[in-house]
Amino acid sequence: MESLFAIFLVAICASIIAATLPVANTSRARADYLNKATNIAQKQLEAIKAGGYSSLTGDGLFALGLLDSPTGLPSIPPWKRFEFSNTDSVNSDAPNQVLPQGKGFVLIKDLRLDLKQVTVKVEWTERGTVRDSSLSAYIGNF
């Protein structure tokens, strides 16, 4: 009887562990993608800030190697949009290399004559859902 009860307890514990492993793996993968996207966005935003206020144009950011193309994507007024999905592929930090169907965007908004808001957005597709991570900064011409 004791042996049967011990086997029953082991079976219950094993079924609980087996049921939670897929959820844990999914959560770990989701957190890993979010971490990678945030790191890419932070690296890109720091590089843009290092370029300074004068480089906050498509041509300026492209010359620094921070955009795929100096021509922007269709804008969402008042934002100017640029893509950086393939930049930094040498260091394997390009969004399309690190994330599933990864894309990176730089959005620039003129707030005043000497102040711009820059938002870096990294998107990826996870289980059929588009997820994103965004970081913003204000860059002024002082």
C-alpha atoms as a PDB file:
ATOM      1  CA  MET A   1       0.000   0.000   0.000  1.00  0.00           C
ATOM      2  CA  GLU A   2       2.815   2.427   0.846  1.00  0.00           C
ATOM      3  CA  SER A   3       4.540   1.737  -2.452  1.00  0.00           C
ATOM      4  CA  LEU A   4       1.342   2.436  -4.354  1.00  0.00           C
ATOM      5  CA  PHE A   5       0.860   5.723  -2.483  1.00  0.00           C
ATOM      6  CA  ALA A   6       4.504   6.765  -3.234  1.00  0.00           C
ATOM      7  CA  ILE A   7       4.040   5.976  -6.931  1.00  0.00           C
ATOM      8  CA  PHE A   8       0.828   8.007  -6.923  1.00  0.00           C
ATOM      9  CA  LEU A   9       2.614  11.026  -5.394  1.00  0.00           C
ATOM     10  CA  VAL A  10       5.488  10.784  -7.888  1.00  0.00           C
ATOM     11  CA  ALA A  11       3.003  10.592 -10.770  1.00  0.00           C
ATOM     12  CA  ILE A  12       1.170  13.711  -9.541  1.00  0.00           C
ATOM     13  CA  CYS A  13       4.444  15.643  -9.197  1.00  0.00           C
ATOM     14  CA  ALA A  14       5.594  14.537 -12.638  1.00  0.00           C
ATOM     15  CA  SER A  15       2.296  15.577 -14.247  1.00  0.00           C
ATOM     16  CA  ILE A  16       2.474  19.025 -12.606  1.00  0.00           C
ATOM     17  CA  ILE A  17       6.023  19.558 -13.865  1.00  0.00           C
ATOM     18  CA  ALA A  18       5.133  18.292 -17.328  1.00  0.00           C
ATOM     19  CA  ALA A  19       2.138  20.652 -17.498  1.00  0.00           C
ATOM     20  CA  THR A  20       4.120  23.758 -16.487  1.00  0.00           C
ATOM     21  CA  LEU A  21       7.180  23.268 -18.723  1.00  0.00           C
ATOM     22  CA  PRO A  22       5.549  24.441 -21.993  1.00  0.00           C
ATOM     23  CA  VAL A  23       4.198  27.584 -20.310  1.00  0.00           C
ATOM     24  CA  ALA A  24       7.601  28.301 -18.770  1.00  0.00           C
ATOM     25  CA  ASN A  25       9.358  27.850 -22.115  1.00  0.00           C
ATOM     26  CA  THR A  26       6.887  30.165 -23.876  1.00  0.00           C
ATOM     27  CA  SER A  27       7.295  32.823 -21.200  1.00  0.00           C
ATOM     28  CA  ARG A  28      11.086  32.524 -21.332  1.00  0.00           C
ATOM     29  CA  ALA A  29      11.106  32.894 -25.132  1.00  0.00           C
ATOM     30  CA  ARG A  30       8.778  35.921 -24.966  1.00  0.00           C
ATOM     31  CA  ALA A  31      11.006  37.583 -22.353  1.00  0.00           C
ATOM     32  CA  ASP A  32      14.098  36.797 -24.423  1.00  0.00           C
ATOM     33  CA  TYR A  33      12.618  38.446 -27.545  1.00  0.00           C
ATOM     34  CA  LEU A  34      11.562  41.510 -25.551  1.00  0.00           C
ATOM     35  CA  ASN A  35      15.030  41.770 -24.022  1.00  0.00           C
ATOM     36  CA  LYS A  36      16.710  41.527 -27.431  1.00  0.00           C
ATOM     37  CA  ALA A  37      14.371  44.114 -28.957  1.00  0.00           C
ATOM     38  CA  THR A  38      14.899  46.545 -26.086  1.00  0.00           C
ATOM     39  CA  ASN A  39      18.676  46.141 -26.319  1.00  0.00           C
ATOM     40  CA  ILE A  40      18.608  46.830 -30.062  1.00  0.00           C
ATOM     41  CA  ALA A  41      16.397  49.898 -29.549  1.00  0.00           C
ATOM     42  CA  GLN A  42      18.644  51.204 -26.777  1.00  0.00           C
ATOM     43  CA  LYS A  43      21.801  50.709 -28.838  1.00  0.00           C
ATOM     44  CA  GLN A  44      20.228  52.457 -31.832  1.00  0.00           C
ATOM     45  CA  LEU A  45      18.934  55.369 -29.745  1.00  0.00           C
ATOM     46  CA  GLU A  46      22.325  55.881 -28.090  1.00  0.00           C
ATOM     47  CA  ALA A  47      24.023  55.901 -31.507  1.00  0.00           C
ATOM     48  CA  ILE A  48      21.509  58.478 -32.777  1.00  0.00           C
ATOM     49  CA  LYS A  49      22.051  60.666 -29.707  1.00  0.00           C
ATOM     50  CA  ALA A  50      25.825  60.423 -30.203  1.00  0.00           C
ATOM     51  CA  GLY A  51      25.366  61.697 -33.775  1.00  0.00           C
ATOM     52  CA  GLY A  52      23.874  64.908 -32.422  1.00  0.00           C
ATOM     53  CA  TYR A  53      21.060  67.206 -33.434  1.00  0.00           C
ATOM     54  CA  SER A  54      22.548  68.050 -36.837  1.00  0.00           C
ATOM     55  CA  SER A  55      22.414  64.426 -37.981  1.00  0.00           C
ATOM     56  CA  LEU A  56      18.672  63.995 -37.354  1.00  0.00           C
ATOM     57  CA  THR A  57      17.798  63.732 -41.033  1.00  0.00           C
ATOM     58  CA  GLY A  58      17.561  60.729 -43.303  1.00  0.00           C
ATOM     59  CA  ASP A  59      20.823  61.625 -45.024  1.00  0.00           C
ATOM     60  CA  GLY A  60      22.587  62.343 -41.729  1.00  0.00           C
ATOM     61  CA  LEU A  61      21.585  59.083 -40.059  1.00  0.00           C
ATOM     62  CA  PHE A  62      22.286  57.094 -43.232  1.00  0.00           C
ATOM     63  CA  ALA A  63      25.790  58.608 -43.419  1.00  0.00           C
ATOM     64  CA  LEU A  64      26.369  57.387 -39.838  1.00  0.00           C
ATOM     65  CA  GLY A  65      25.287  53.872 -40.891  1.00  0.00           C
ATOM     66  CA  LEU A  66      22.149  53.943 -38.737  1.00  0.00           C
ATOM     67  CA  LEU A  67      19.497  53.549 -41.467  1.00  0.00           C
ATOM     68  CA  ASP A  68      18.875  51.155 -44.334  1.00  0.00           C
ATOM     69  CA  SER A  69      18.123  54.022 -46.710  1.00  0.00           C
ATOM     70  CA  PRO A  70      18.248  57.834 -46.529  1.00  0.00           C
ATOM     71  CA  THR A  71      14.720  58.047 -47.932  1.00  0.00           C
ATOM     72  CA  GLY A  72      12.021  57.688 -45.334  1.00  0.00           C
ATOM     73  CA  LEU A  73       9.005  55.455 -45.298  1.00  0.00           C
ATOM     74  CA  PRO A  74       5.548  56.946 -45.756  1.00  0.00           C
ATOM     75  CA  SER A  75       5.240  59.364 -42.870  1.00  0.00           C
ATOM     76  CA  ILE A  76       2.651  59.415 -40.142  1.00  0.00           C
ATOM     77  CA  PRO A  77       2.279  63.162 -39.547  1.00  0.00           C
ATOM     78  CA  PRO A  78       3.930  64.763 -37.643  1.00  0.00           C
ATOM     79  CA  TRP A  79       6.476  61.914 -37.551  1.00  0.00           C
ATOM     80  CA  LYS A  80       9.138  61.169 -40.180  1.00  0.00           C
ATOM     81  CA  ARG A  81       9.780  57.395 -40.385  1.00  0.00           C
ATOM     82  CA  PHE A  82      12.948  55.562 -41.391  1.00  0.00           C
ATOM     83  CA  GLU A  83      13.799  51.849 -41.317  1.00  0.00           C
ATOM     84  CA  PHE A  84      16.917  50.225 -39.851  1.00  0.00           C
ATOM     85  CA  SER A  85      16.038  46.519 -40.093  1.00  0.00           C
ATOM     86  CA  ASN A  86      19.281  45.520 -41.844  1.00  0.00           C
ATOM     87  CA  THR A  87      21.815  47.853 -40.228  1.00  0.00           C
ATOM     88  CA  ASP A  88      24.519  46.520 -37.909  1.00  0.00           C
ATOM     89  CA  SER A  89      24.403  43.072 -39.509  1.00  0.00           C
ATOM     90  CA  VAL A  90      28.179  42.781 -39.043  1.00  0.00           C
ATOM     91  CA  ASN A  91      27.683  42.634 -35.263  1.00  0.00           C
ATOM     92  CA  SER A  92      24.565  40.449 -35.631  1.00  0.00           C
ATOM     93  CA  ASP A  93      22.479  43.192 -34.048  1.00  0.00           C
ATOM     94  CA  ALA A  94      20.144  43.813 -36.968  1.00  0.00           C
ATOM     95  CA  PRO A  95      16.485  43.344 -35.988  1.00  0.00           C
ATOM     96  CA  ASN A  96      15.811  40.984 -38.903  1.00  0.00           C
ATOM     97  CA  GLN A  97      18.694  38.724 -37.809  1.00  0.00           C
ATOM     98  CA  VAL A  98      17.964  38.631 -34.089  1.00  0.00           C
ATOM     99  CA  LEU A  99      14.152  38.542 -34.016  1.00  0.00           C
ATOM    100  CA  PRO A 100      11.570  36.571 -36.016  1.00  0.00           C
ATOM    101  CA  GLN A 101      10.434  38.865 -38.842  1.00  0.00           C
ATOM    102  CA  GLY A 102      12.184  41.699 -36.983  1.00  0.00           C
ATOM    103  CA  LYS A 103      11.958  45.295 -38.186  1.00  0.00           C
ATOM    104  CA  GLY A 104      13.365  48.484 -36.747  1.00  0.00           C
ATOM    105  CA  PHE A 105      12.076  52.022 -37.223  1.00  0.00           C
ATOM    106  CA  VAL A 106      13.329  55.477 -36.290  1.00  0.00           C
ATOM    107  CA  LEU A 107      10.623  58.116 -35.900  1.00  0.00           C
ATOM    108  CA  ILE A 108      11.571  61.793 -35.713  1.00  0.00           C
ATOM    109  CA  LYS A 109       9.209  64.571 -34.686  1.00  0.00           C
ATOM    110  CA  ASP A 110       9.992  68.306 -34.729  1.00  0.00           C
ATOM    111  CA  LEU A 111       8.767  69.769 -31.453  1.00  0.00           C
ATOM    112  CA  ARG A 112      10.300  73.220 -31.723  1.00  0.00           C
ATOM    113  CA  LEU A 113      12.908  74.901 -33.870  1.00  0.00           C
ATOM    114  CA  ASP A 114      15.711  73.531 -31.696  1.00  0.00           C
ATOM    115  CA  LEU A 115      14.152  70.360 -30.211  1.00  0.00           C
ATOM    116  CA  LYS A 116      13.233  66.987 -31.723  1.00  0.00           C
ATOM    117  CA  GLN A 117      11.759  63.826 -30.295  1.00  0.00           C
ATOM    118  CA  VAL A 118      13.316  60.588 -31.526  1.00  0.00           C
ATOM    119  CA  THR A 119      11.583  57.248 -31.009  1.00  0.00           C
ATOM    120  CA  VAL A 120      13.198  53.935 -31.877  1.00  0.00           C
ATOM    121  CA  LYS A 121      10.712  51.103 -32.367  1.00  0.00           C
ATOM    122  CA  VAL A 122      11.617  47.435 -32.859  1.00  0.00           C
ATOM    123  CA  GLU A 123       8.888  45.040 -34.018  1.00  0.00           C
ATOM    124  CA  TRP A 124       8.808  41.263 -34.344  1.00  0.00           C
ATOM    125  CA  THR A 125       6.210  38.574 -34.948  1.00  0.00           C
ATOM    126  CA  GLU A 126       5.638  36.011 -32.245  1.00  0.00           C
ATOM    127  CA  ARG A 127       3.021  33.293 -32.655  1.00  0.00           C
ATOM    128  CA  GLY A 128       1.210  35.327 -35.305  1.00  0.00           C
ATOM    129  CA  THR A 129       1.107  38.486 -33.190  1.00  0.00           C
ATOM    130  CA  VAL A 130       3.161  41.607 -33.898  1.00  0.00           C
ATOM    131  CA  ARG A 131       4.920  42.747 -30.740  1.00  0.00           C
ATOM    132  CA  ASP A 132       7.118  45.804 -30.271  1.00  0.00           C
ATOM    133  CA  SER A 133       9.478  47.653 -27.968  1.00  0.00           C
ATOM    134  CA  SER A 134       9.936  51.432 -28.163  1.00  0.00           C
ATOM    135  CA  LEU A 135      12.301  53.933 -26.584  1.00  0.00           C
ATOM    136  CA  SER A 136      12.202  57.733 -26.941  1.00  0.00           C
ATOM    137  CA  ALA A 137      14.523  60.650 -26.295  1.00  0.00           C
ATOM    138  CA  TYR A 138      14.547  64.384 -26.812  1.00  0.00           C
ATOM    139  CA  ILE A 139      17.511  65.836 -28.670  1.00  0.00           C
ATOM    140  CA  GLY A 140      18.094  69.551 -28.670  1.00  0.00           C
ATOM    141  CA  ASN A 141      20.326  71.960 -30.546  1.00  0.00           C
ATOM    142  CA  PHE A 142      22.012  73.755 -27.673  1.00  0.00           C
END
